[in-house]
N, C-alpha and C. Protein backbone atom coordinates (compact mmCIF):
# COMPACT_ATOMS: atom_id res chain seq x y z
N CYS A 1 59.63 67.29 34.94
CA CYS A 1 59.90 66.51 36.15
C CYS A 1 58.96 66.98 37.25
N GLU A 2 58.42 66.04 38.00
CA GLU A 2 57.54 66.37 39.13
C GLU A 2 58.07 65.74 40.40
N LEU A 3 58.21 66.58 41.42
CA LEU A 3 58.64 66.11 42.74
C LEU A 3 57.42 66.06 43.65
N ARG A 4 57.19 64.92 44.27
CA ARG A 4 56.06 64.75 45.19
C ARG A 4 56.50 64.96 46.64
N CYS A 5 57.54 65.75 46.82
CA CYS A 5 58.03 66.09 48.15
C CYS A 5 58.47 67.54 48.13
N GLY A 6 58.67 68.12 49.32
CA GLY A 6 59.14 69.49 49.41
C GLY A 6 60.63 69.58 49.11
N VAL A 7 61.06 70.82 48.77
CA VAL A 7 62.47 71.08 48.47
C VAL A 7 62.95 72.17 49.42
N SER A 8 64.17 72.00 49.96
CA SER A 8 64.78 73.01 50.83
C SER A 8 66.09 73.49 50.25
N VAL A 9 66.30 74.80 50.28
CA VAL A 9 67.58 75.40 49.89
C VAL A 9 68.06 76.18 51.10
N MET A 10 69.21 75.79 51.64
CA MET A 10 69.66 76.34 52.91
C MET A 10 70.82 77.32 52.72
N SER A 11 71.34 77.81 53.83
CA SER A 11 72.30 78.92 53.90
C SER A 11 73.35 78.90 52.80
N GLY A 12 73.44 80.04 52.09
CA GLY A 12 74.46 80.20 51.07
C GLY A 12 74.11 79.62 49.72
N GLY A 13 73.02 78.88 49.62
CA GLY A 13 72.64 78.28 48.35
C GLY A 13 72.19 79.33 47.35
N ASN A 14 72.45 79.07 46.10
CA ASN A 14 71.99 79.94 45.01
C ASN A 14 71.59 79.02 43.88
N VAL A 15 70.30 78.74 43.75
CA VAL A 15 69.81 77.64 42.93
C VAL A 15 68.85 78.15 41.86
N VAL A 16 68.92 77.56 40.66
CA VAL A 16 67.95 77.81 39.60
C VAL A 16 67.21 76.51 39.33
N LEU A 17 65.88 76.56 39.38
CA LEU A 17 65.04 75.41 39.07
C LEU A 17 64.20 75.76 37.84
N GLN A 18 64.18 74.87 36.85
CA GLN A 18 63.48 75.17 35.61
C GLN A 18 62.64 73.98 35.17
N ASN A 19 61.44 74.28 34.64
CA ASN A 19 60.53 73.25 34.13
C ASN A 19 60.28 72.15 35.16
N LEU A 20 59.99 72.55 36.38
CA LEU A 20 59.83 71.61 37.48
C LEU A 20 58.49 71.83 38.16
N THR A 21 57.83 70.74 38.52
CA THR A 21 56.63 70.81 39.34
C THR A 21 56.96 70.27 40.72
N ILE A 22 56.66 71.06 41.74
CA ILE A 22 56.86 70.64 43.13
C ILE A 22 55.47 70.53 43.75
N ALA A 23 55.06 69.32 44.10
CA ALA A 23 53.70 69.09 44.58
C ALA A 23 53.69 68.10 45.73
N PRO A 24 54.15 68.52 46.91
CA PRO A 24 54.11 67.62 48.07
C PRO A 24 52.68 67.37 48.53
N ARG A 25 52.46 66.23 49.13
CA ARG A 25 51.12 65.91 49.64
C ARG A 25 50.81 66.63 50.95
N SER A 26 51.85 67.12 51.62
CA SER A 26 51.65 67.86 52.87
C SER A 26 52.80 68.86 53.03
N GLY A 27 52.58 69.84 53.88
CA GLY A 27 53.64 70.77 54.25
C GLY A 27 53.93 71.85 53.22
N ILE A 28 55.21 72.23 53.15
CA ILE A 28 55.69 73.35 52.35
C ILE A 28 56.30 72.83 51.06
N GLY A 29 56.03 73.54 49.96
CA GLY A 29 56.59 73.12 48.67
C GLY A 29 58.07 73.44 48.56
N LEU A 30 58.43 74.72 48.77
CA LEU A 30 59.82 75.17 48.65
C LEU A 30 60.18 75.99 49.87
N ASN A 31 61.23 75.58 50.57
CA ASN A 31 61.69 76.24 51.79
C ASN A 31 63.06 76.84 51.51
N VAL A 32 63.17 78.18 51.64
CA VAL A 32 64.42 78.88 51.31
C VAL A 32 64.88 79.65 52.55
N VAL A 33 66.05 79.29 53.09
CA VAL A 33 66.56 79.91 54.31
C VAL A 33 67.94 80.50 54.04
N ARG A 34 68.05 81.83 54.15
CA ARG A 34 69.32 82.54 53.92
C ARG A 34 69.97 82.11 52.61
N ALA A 35 69.17 82.08 51.57
CA ALA A 35 69.64 81.60 50.26
C ALA A 35 68.85 82.30 49.17
N GLY A 36 69.23 82.02 47.92
CA GLY A 36 68.53 82.57 46.77
C GLY A 36 68.05 81.46 45.86
N VAL A 37 66.83 81.61 45.35
CA VAL A 37 66.27 80.62 44.44
C VAL A 37 65.59 81.34 43.28
N ARG A 38 65.83 80.83 42.08
CA ARG A 38 65.15 81.34 40.89
C ARG A 38 64.37 80.20 40.26
N LEU A 39 63.05 80.40 40.12
CA LEU A 39 62.18 79.41 39.49
C LEU A 39 61.77 79.92 38.12
N VAL A 40 61.99 79.12 37.09
CA VAL A 40 61.64 79.49 35.72
C VAL A 40 60.73 78.41 35.14
N ASP A 41 59.55 78.81 34.69
CA ASP A 41 58.59 77.88 34.09
C ASP A 41 58.29 76.71 35.03
N CYS A 42 58.06 77.02 36.29
CA CYS A 42 57.79 75.99 37.31
C CYS A 42 56.37 76.14 37.85
N THR A 43 55.91 75.09 38.52
CA THR A 43 54.67 75.11 39.26
C THR A 43 54.93 74.55 40.65
N VAL A 44 54.47 75.29 41.67
CA VAL A 44 54.56 74.81 43.04
C VAL A 44 53.14 74.74 43.58
N SER A 45 52.74 73.56 44.04
CA SER A 45 51.39 73.37 44.57
C SER A 45 51.50 72.63 45.88
N ALA A 46 51.28 73.34 47.00
CA ALA A 46 51.43 72.74 48.32
C ALA A 46 50.22 73.07 49.19
N PRO A 47 49.80 72.13 50.04
CA PRO A 47 48.60 72.36 50.84
C PRO A 47 48.78 73.31 52.01
N SER A 48 50.02 73.62 52.38
CA SER A 48 50.27 74.53 53.50
C SER A 48 50.78 75.88 52.98
N ILE A 49 52.03 75.91 52.55
CA ILE A 49 52.65 77.11 51.99
C ILE A 49 53.40 76.68 50.73
N GLY A 50 53.16 77.40 49.63
CA GLY A 50 53.85 77.06 48.39
C GLY A 50 55.34 77.33 48.50
N VAL A 51 55.69 78.58 48.81
CA VAL A 51 57.10 78.97 48.98
C VAL A 51 57.24 79.70 50.31
N PHE A 52 58.13 79.20 51.16
CA PHE A 52 58.43 79.86 52.43
C PHE A 52 59.87 80.32 52.41
N GLY A 53 60.11 81.57 52.79
CA GLY A 53 61.47 82.10 52.80
C GLY A 53 61.80 82.81 54.09
N SER A 54 63.05 82.68 54.51
CA SER A 54 63.57 83.41 55.66
C SER A 54 64.90 84.01 55.25
N GLU A 55 64.99 85.34 55.27
CA GLU A 55 66.20 86.02 54.80
C GLU A 55 66.55 85.52 53.40
N ALA A 56 65.57 85.52 52.51
CA ALA A 56 65.72 84.87 51.20
C ALA A 56 65.51 85.86 50.06
N ILE A 57 66.09 85.52 48.92
CA ILE A 57 65.79 86.21 47.67
C ILE A 57 65.12 85.19 46.76
N ILE A 58 63.88 85.47 46.39
CA ILE A 58 63.08 84.53 45.60
C ILE A 58 62.73 85.20 44.28
N GLU A 59 63.14 84.58 43.19
CA GLU A 59 62.85 85.09 41.85
C GLU A 59 61.94 84.10 41.13
N LEU A 60 60.87 84.61 40.56
CA LEU A 60 59.90 83.78 39.84
C LEU A 60 59.72 84.32 38.43
N GLU A 61 59.86 83.45 37.45
CA GLU A 61 59.63 83.84 36.07
C GLU A 61 58.72 82.82 35.41
N ARG A 62 57.56 83.30 34.94
CA ARG A 62 56.56 82.41 34.32
C ARG A 62 56.31 81.19 35.22
N THR A 63 56.08 81.46 36.48
CA THR A 63 55.93 80.40 37.47
C THR A 63 54.60 80.56 38.20
N SER A 64 53.96 79.44 38.52
CA SER A 64 52.70 79.45 39.26
C SER A 64 52.90 78.88 40.65
N ILE A 65 52.44 79.62 41.65
CA ILE A 65 52.44 79.15 43.03
C ILE A 65 50.97 79.02 43.42
N LEU A 66 50.48 77.79 43.51
CA LEU A 66 49.05 77.54 43.67
C LEU A 66 48.79 76.62 44.85
N ALA A 67 47.61 76.75 45.41
CA ALA A 67 47.15 75.79 46.41
C ALA A 67 46.35 74.71 45.70
N PRO A 68 46.52 73.45 46.08
CA PRO A 68 45.71 72.40 45.46
C PRO A 68 44.22 72.60 45.77
N ALA A 69 43.37 71.96 44.99
CA ALA A 69 41.92 72.13 45.14
C ALA A 69 41.42 71.77 46.54
N ASP A 70 42.07 70.80 47.19
CA ASP A 70 41.62 70.37 48.52
C ASP A 70 42.42 71.01 49.65
N ALA A 71 43.09 72.13 49.37
CA ALA A 71 43.90 72.80 50.40
C ALA A 71 43.00 73.38 51.50
N PRO A 72 43.49 73.44 52.74
CA PRO A 72 42.72 74.04 53.83
C PRO A 72 42.61 75.56 53.65
N PRO A 73 41.70 76.21 54.39
CA PRO A 73 41.49 77.66 54.23
C PRO A 73 42.72 78.49 54.53
N GLY A 74 43.67 77.97 55.30
CA GLY A 74 44.86 78.74 55.67
C GLY A 74 46.03 78.60 54.71
N ALA A 75 45.85 77.92 53.60
CA ALA A 75 46.95 77.71 52.65
C ALA A 75 47.39 79.03 52.04
N GLN A 76 48.72 79.23 51.96
CA GLN A 76 49.30 80.46 51.42
C GLN A 76 50.19 80.13 50.22
N ALA A 77 50.33 81.11 49.32
CA ALA A 77 51.20 80.91 48.16
C ALA A 77 52.66 81.20 48.52
N VAL A 78 52.96 82.46 48.89
CA VAL A 78 54.32 82.86 49.26
C VAL A 78 54.28 83.50 50.63
N ARG A 79 55.06 82.96 51.56
CA ARG A 79 55.14 83.49 52.93
C ARG A 79 56.60 83.62 53.30
N VAL A 80 57.02 84.82 53.66
CA VAL A 80 58.41 85.01 54.05
C VAL A 80 58.49 85.78 55.36
N VAL A 81 59.64 85.64 56.00
CA VAL A 81 59.93 86.37 57.24
C VAL A 81 61.32 86.97 57.11
N GLY A 82 61.61 87.96 57.95
CA GLY A 82 62.92 88.60 57.91
C GLY A 82 63.07 89.50 56.70
N ARG A 83 64.31 89.80 56.37
CA ARG A 83 64.60 90.70 55.25
C ARG A 83 64.65 89.90 53.95
N SER A 84 63.50 89.61 53.45
CA SER A 84 63.40 88.81 52.23
C SER A 84 62.87 89.65 51.08
N MET A 85 63.20 89.23 49.85
CA MET A 85 62.80 89.96 48.66
C MET A 85 62.16 88.99 47.66
N LEU A 86 61.10 89.47 47.01
CA LEU A 86 60.43 88.70 45.97
C LEU A 86 60.47 89.47 44.67
N LEU A 87 60.99 88.83 43.62
CA LEU A 87 61.01 89.39 42.27
C LEU A 87 60.23 88.44 41.39
N ALA A 88 59.13 88.89 40.80
CA ALA A 88 58.29 87.99 40.01
C ALA A 88 57.91 88.63 38.69
N ARG A 89 57.98 87.84 37.62
CA ARG A 89 57.62 88.32 36.29
C ARG A 89 56.75 87.26 35.61
N GLY A 90 55.60 87.70 35.11
CA GLY A 90 54.73 86.79 34.37
C GLY A 90 54.30 85.58 35.18
N SER A 91 54.08 85.78 36.48
CA SER A 91 53.79 84.65 37.38
C SER A 91 52.41 84.77 38.00
N ARG A 92 51.94 83.65 38.55
CA ARG A 92 50.61 83.59 39.16
C ARG A 92 50.74 83.04 40.58
N HIS A 93 50.08 83.72 41.52
CA HIS A 93 50.04 83.30 42.92
C HIS A 93 48.57 83.22 43.31
N GLU A 94 48.10 82.05 43.67
CA GLU A 94 46.68 81.91 43.98
C GLU A 94 46.50 80.90 45.11
N CYS A 95 45.71 81.30 46.12
CA CYS A 95 45.48 80.44 47.29
C CYS A 95 44.29 80.96 48.09
N PRO A 96 43.83 80.20 49.09
CA PRO A 96 42.72 80.68 49.92
C PRO A 96 43.12 81.84 50.84
N ALA A 97 44.26 81.73 51.54
CA ALA A 97 44.67 82.76 52.50
C ALA A 97 45.52 83.82 51.79
N ASN A 98 46.37 84.55 52.54
CA ASN A 98 47.19 85.60 51.93
C ASN A 98 48.07 85.00 50.83
N ALA A 99 48.00 85.59 49.64
CA ALA A 99 48.76 85.04 48.52
C ALA A 99 50.24 85.38 48.63
N ILE A 100 50.56 86.61 49.04
CA ILE A 100 51.95 87.01 49.29
C ILE A 100 51.96 87.71 50.62
N SER A 101 52.76 87.23 51.56
CA SER A 101 52.76 87.86 52.88
C SER A 101 54.16 87.94 53.47
N GLY A 102 54.40 89.05 54.19
CA GLY A 102 55.62 89.22 54.95
C GLY A 102 56.83 89.69 54.17
N VAL A 103 56.70 89.91 52.87
CA VAL A 103 57.86 90.26 52.05
C VAL A 103 58.33 91.67 52.39
N ARG A 104 59.64 91.83 52.60
CA ARG A 104 60.19 93.15 52.90
C ARG A 104 60.17 94.05 51.66
N ALA A 105 60.47 93.46 50.50
CA ALA A 105 60.43 94.21 49.25
C ALA A 105 59.95 93.28 48.15
N ALA A 106 59.06 93.78 47.29
CA ALA A 106 58.53 92.96 46.20
C ALA A 106 58.45 93.78 44.93
N LEU A 107 58.89 93.18 43.83
CA LEU A 107 58.74 93.76 42.51
C LEU A 107 57.94 92.77 41.68
N LEU A 108 56.76 93.18 41.24
CA LEU A 108 55.87 92.32 40.47
C LEU A 108 55.65 92.93 39.09
N ASP A 109 55.95 92.16 38.07
CA ASP A 109 55.81 92.63 36.69
C ASP A 109 54.90 91.65 35.94
N ARG A 110 53.72 92.13 35.54
CA ARG A 110 52.74 91.32 34.82
C ARG A 110 52.40 90.03 35.57
N CYS A 111 52.00 90.18 36.81
CA CYS A 111 51.65 89.04 37.65
C CYS A 111 50.17 89.07 38.03
N VAL A 112 49.65 87.89 38.36
CA VAL A 112 48.30 87.75 38.89
C VAL A 112 48.44 87.24 40.32
N VAL A 113 47.84 87.96 41.27
CA VAL A 113 47.93 87.60 42.68
C VAL A 113 46.51 87.55 43.24
N ILE A 114 46.07 86.35 43.64
CA ILE A 114 44.68 86.16 44.06
C ILE A 114 44.61 85.42 45.39
N SER A 115 43.87 85.99 46.32
CA SER A 115 43.49 85.30 47.56
C SER A 115 41.97 85.20 47.58
N THR A 116 41.45 83.99 47.76
CA THR A 116 40.00 83.85 47.73
C THR A 116 39.35 84.28 49.04
N ASN A 117 40.07 84.17 50.18
CA ASN A 117 39.46 84.47 51.48
C ASN A 117 40.08 85.65 52.22
N LYS A 118 41.36 85.95 51.98
CA LYS A 118 42.04 86.99 52.76
C LYS A 118 42.58 88.08 51.85
N ASN A 119 43.84 88.47 52.04
CA ASN A 119 44.42 89.58 51.29
C ASN A 119 45.34 89.07 50.19
N ALA A 120 45.30 89.73 49.04
CA ALA A 120 46.21 89.35 47.97
C ALA A 120 47.65 89.56 48.42
N ILE A 121 47.96 90.74 48.94
CA ILE A 121 49.30 91.04 49.46
C ILE A 121 49.15 91.58 50.87
N GLU A 122 49.78 90.92 51.80
CA GLU A 122 49.76 91.31 53.22
C GLU A 122 51.20 91.67 53.61
N GLY A 123 51.43 92.97 53.84
CA GLY A 123 52.76 93.40 54.22
C GLY A 123 53.08 93.03 55.65
N GLY A 124 54.37 93.04 55.94
CA GLY A 124 54.82 92.73 57.30
C GLY A 124 55.19 93.98 58.07
N GLY A 125 54.88 95.14 57.52
CA GLY A 125 55.29 96.40 58.13
C GLY A 125 56.60 96.84 57.51
N GLY A 126 56.64 98.06 56.97
CA GLY A 126 57.83 98.55 56.30
C GLY A 126 58.05 97.94 54.94
N GLU A 127 56.99 97.48 54.30
CA GLU A 127 57.14 96.80 53.01
C GLU A 127 57.16 97.78 51.85
N ASP A 128 58.02 97.47 50.86
CA ASP A 128 58.05 98.19 49.59
C ASP A 128 57.44 97.30 48.52
N LEU A 129 56.49 97.83 47.76
CA LEU A 129 55.86 97.07 46.67
C LEU A 129 55.90 97.90 45.40
N TRP A 130 56.48 97.30 44.36
CA TRP A 130 56.49 97.91 43.03
C TRP A 130 55.76 96.94 42.13
N ALA A 131 54.60 97.37 41.61
CA ALA A 131 53.78 96.48 40.79
C ALA A 131 53.45 97.16 39.47
N VAL A 132 53.73 96.48 38.37
CA VAL A 132 53.50 97.02 37.03
C VAL A 132 52.71 95.99 36.23
N GLY A 133 51.58 96.41 35.68
CA GLY A 133 50.80 95.52 34.82
C GLY A 133 50.29 94.29 35.53
N CYS A 134 49.75 94.45 36.75
CA CYS A 134 49.34 93.30 37.59
C CYS A 134 47.86 93.34 37.92
N LEU A 135 47.33 92.16 38.24
CA LEU A 135 46.00 92.02 38.82
C LEU A 135 46.18 91.56 40.25
N LEU A 136 45.66 92.34 41.20
CA LEU A 136 45.73 92.01 42.62
C LEU A 136 44.31 91.90 43.14
N ARG A 137 43.88 90.68 43.49
CA ARG A 137 42.50 90.48 43.93
C ARG A 137 42.48 89.74 45.26
N GLY A 138 41.82 90.33 46.24
CA GLY A 138 41.71 89.70 47.55
C GLY A 138 40.28 89.44 47.93
N GLY A 139 40.03 88.30 48.59
CA GLY A 139 38.71 88.04 49.11
C GLY A 139 38.35 89.06 50.19
N ASN A 140 39.37 89.58 50.87
CA ASN A 140 39.20 90.65 51.84
C ASN A 140 39.66 91.96 51.20
N ALA A 141 40.98 92.13 51.04
CA ALA A 141 41.52 93.34 50.41
C ALA A 141 42.63 92.97 49.43
N ALA A 142 42.81 93.79 48.42
CA ALA A 142 43.91 93.57 47.49
C ALA A 142 45.24 93.85 48.17
N LEU A 143 45.32 94.93 48.95
CA LEU A 143 46.54 95.30 49.66
C LEU A 143 46.24 95.55 51.13
N SER A 144 47.15 95.10 51.98
CA SER A 144 47.02 95.38 53.41
C SER A 144 48.42 95.56 54.00
N ARG A 145 48.59 96.62 54.78
CA ARG A 145 49.86 96.90 55.46
C ARG A 145 51.05 96.98 54.51
N VAL A 146 50.85 97.59 53.35
CA VAL A 146 51.94 97.87 52.42
C VAL A 146 52.27 99.35 52.55
N ASP A 147 53.53 99.68 52.83
CA ASP A 147 53.87 101.05 53.20
C ASP A 147 54.29 101.95 52.05
N ARG A 148 55.14 101.44 51.16
CA ARG A 148 55.74 102.30 50.14
C ARG A 148 55.74 101.59 48.80
N GLY A 149 55.88 102.40 47.71
CA GLY A 149 56.04 101.78 46.41
C GLY A 149 55.29 102.49 45.31
N LEU A 150 55.05 101.75 44.22
CA LEU A 150 54.42 102.30 43.03
C LEU A 150 53.47 101.28 42.43
N LEU A 151 52.29 101.73 42.04
CA LEU A 151 51.33 100.90 41.32
C LEU A 151 51.10 101.55 39.96
N ASP A 152 51.42 100.82 38.90
CA ASP A 152 51.24 101.35 37.55
C ASP A 152 50.69 100.25 36.66
N GLY A 153 49.54 100.50 36.04
CA GLY A 153 48.91 99.47 35.22
C GLY A 153 48.39 98.34 36.06
N VAL A 154 47.82 98.66 37.22
CA VAL A 154 47.39 97.64 38.19
C VAL A 154 45.87 97.67 38.34
N ALA A 155 45.28 96.49 38.44
CA ALA A 155 43.87 96.36 38.79
C ALA A 155 43.78 95.88 40.23
N LEU A 156 43.13 96.66 41.09
CA LEU A 156 42.90 96.30 42.49
C LEU A 156 41.45 95.90 42.65
N ILE A 157 41.23 94.68 43.12
CA ILE A 157 39.86 94.20 43.32
C ILE A 157 39.74 93.71 44.76
N ASP A 158 38.89 94.38 45.52
CA ASP A 158 38.66 94.04 46.92
C ASP A 158 37.36 93.25 47.05
N GLY A 159 37.35 92.31 47.98
CA GLY A 159 36.15 91.53 48.22
C GLY A 159 35.29 92.09 49.32
N ASN A 160 35.70 93.21 49.95
CA ASN A 160 34.92 93.81 51.03
C ASN A 160 34.56 95.24 50.67
N ASP A 161 33.94 95.93 51.60
CA ASP A 161 33.53 97.31 51.35
C ASP A 161 34.52 98.33 51.89
N ARG A 162 35.60 97.86 52.52
CA ARG A 162 36.55 98.79 53.13
C ARG A 162 37.53 99.37 52.13
N GLY A 163 37.78 98.69 51.04
CA GLY A 163 38.75 99.18 50.07
C GLY A 163 40.17 98.94 50.53
N SER A 164 41.11 99.24 49.67
CA SER A 164 42.53 99.12 49.98
C SER A 164 43.05 100.50 50.32
N PRO A 165 43.27 100.79 51.61
CA PRO A 165 43.74 102.14 51.97
C PRO A 165 45.14 102.38 51.43
N ILE A 166 45.30 103.41 50.63
CA ILE A 166 46.59 103.72 50.05
C ILE A 166 46.92 105.17 50.37
N ALA A 167 48.10 105.38 50.94
CA ALA A 167 48.53 106.72 51.34
C ALA A 167 50.02 106.87 51.03
N PRO A 168 50.51 108.12 50.94
CA PRO A 168 51.94 108.31 50.70
C PRO A 168 52.75 107.62 51.80
N PRO A 169 53.96 107.12 51.46
CA PRO A 169 54.67 107.29 50.20
C PRO A 169 54.40 106.19 49.16
N MET A 170 53.17 105.72 49.07
CA MET A 170 52.76 104.86 47.96
C MET A 170 52.30 105.77 46.82
N TRP A 171 52.77 105.46 45.59
CA TRP A 171 52.42 106.27 44.43
C TRP A 171 51.59 105.46 43.47
N VAL A 172 50.60 106.11 42.87
CA VAL A 172 49.67 105.41 41.98
C VAL A 172 49.53 106.19 40.69
N CYS A 173 49.61 105.48 39.56
CA CYS A 173 49.38 106.09 38.26
C CYS A 173 47.87 106.15 38.02
N ALA A 174 47.33 107.35 37.99
CA ALA A 174 45.88 107.51 37.82
C ALA A 174 45.43 107.08 36.43
N GLU A 175 46.32 107.18 35.43
CA GLU A 175 45.96 106.81 34.07
C GLU A 175 45.78 105.31 33.90
N HIS A 176 46.47 104.54 34.72
CA HIS A 176 46.51 103.09 34.50
C HIS A 176 46.18 102.31 35.77
N LEU A 177 45.15 102.74 36.47
CA LEU A 177 44.68 102.02 37.65
C LEU A 177 43.22 101.64 37.43
N ARG A 178 42.92 100.39 37.70
CA ARG A 178 41.51 99.97 37.73
C ARG A 178 41.16 99.66 39.17
N TYR A 179 40.14 100.29 39.67
CA TYR A 179 39.72 100.08 41.05
C TYR A 179 38.21 100.22 41.10
N ASP A 180 37.54 99.18 41.57
CA ASP A 180 36.08 99.18 41.59
C ASP A 180 35.50 99.93 42.78
N GLY A 181 36.35 100.28 43.75
CA GLY A 181 35.86 100.99 44.93
C GLY A 181 35.79 102.48 44.71
N ASP A 182 35.78 103.22 45.80
CA ASP A 182 35.68 104.67 45.78
C ASP A 182 37.08 105.26 45.87
N PHE A 183 37.46 106.06 44.88
CA PHE A 183 38.80 106.64 44.87
C PHE A 183 39.03 107.58 46.05
N THR A 184 37.97 108.03 46.72
CA THR A 184 38.17 108.87 47.90
C THR A 184 38.76 108.09 49.06
N ASP A 185 38.81 106.73 48.93
CA ASP A 185 39.49 105.93 49.94
C ASP A 185 40.99 106.20 49.93
N PHE A 186 41.50 106.69 48.80
CA PHE A 186 42.93 106.92 48.65
C PHE A 186 43.28 108.32 49.13
N ASP A 187 44.43 108.43 49.77
CA ASP A 187 44.96 109.73 50.15
C ASP A 187 45.21 110.55 48.88
N SER A 188 44.89 111.83 48.91
CA SER A 188 45.04 112.66 47.70
C SER A 188 46.49 112.80 47.26
N GLY A 189 47.43 112.54 48.15
CA GLY A 189 48.84 112.71 47.81
C GLY A 189 49.47 111.54 47.08
N VAL A 190 48.70 110.51 46.77
CA VAL A 190 49.29 109.33 46.13
C VAL A 190 49.35 109.43 44.61
N TRP A 191 48.59 110.32 44.02
CA TRP A 191 48.46 110.33 42.57
C TRP A 191 49.68 110.94 41.90
N LEU A 192 50.24 110.21 40.96
CA LEU A 192 51.36 110.73 40.17
C LEU A 192 50.87 111.79 39.19
N GLY A 193 51.71 112.79 38.95
CA GLY A 193 51.35 113.81 37.99
C GLY A 193 51.33 113.28 36.57
N ARG A 194 52.16 112.29 36.29
CA ARG A 194 52.17 111.63 34.98
C ARG A 194 52.63 110.20 35.17
N CYS A 195 52.39 109.39 34.17
CA CYS A 195 52.74 107.98 34.25
C CYS A 195 54.25 107.81 34.37
N ALA A 196 54.68 107.09 35.38
CA ALA A 196 56.11 106.91 35.63
C ALA A 196 56.75 105.97 34.63
N ILE A 197 55.99 105.02 34.12
CA ILE A 197 56.55 104.00 33.24
C ILE A 197 56.51 104.45 31.78
N GLY A 198 55.64 105.41 31.46
CA GLY A 198 55.57 105.90 30.10
C GLY A 198 54.86 104.95 29.16
N HIS A 199 53.69 104.47 29.54
CA HIS A 199 52.91 103.55 28.70
C HIS A 199 52.59 104.22 27.37
């Protein structure tokens, strides 16, 4: 099923959407306000913001949040405000601007997160990020303003020369990190003594 309009889930809603394409010609694909949404095997393609959340819990499983080919440079995949949480597994987020921004807490498992012009993940301050087996690629930086969390089995690809500054209490598995920049950009206290996940 394909919807050519945006979808809103408002206060108190708890919705599961499966095998659905949401592709509005303008605006936001999925708007979640004080509610929870789980997308399974879905595609959201919107020219402004794919998924917008406010005080929301957003779960993505095998789901793609993409900007259409003719999207403007400011198009975002996932943008949230307030105390929102993103849980994603086997999903893809790709857009020109920040691919994931403003999330208070995010758990990414085997995800691809790509921003062609800005940051793959842009924290809102006080953000927790747990990423396992992911590719994070930013036209500017892979990570920006992310405060705490764990990176294990992650590839960080930056499009600039500044690198992704990572400092405690962010933890990084040295055995399973791919980073094309200079590891001296990272604070020495971030390296785990052993792999936390036990690959």
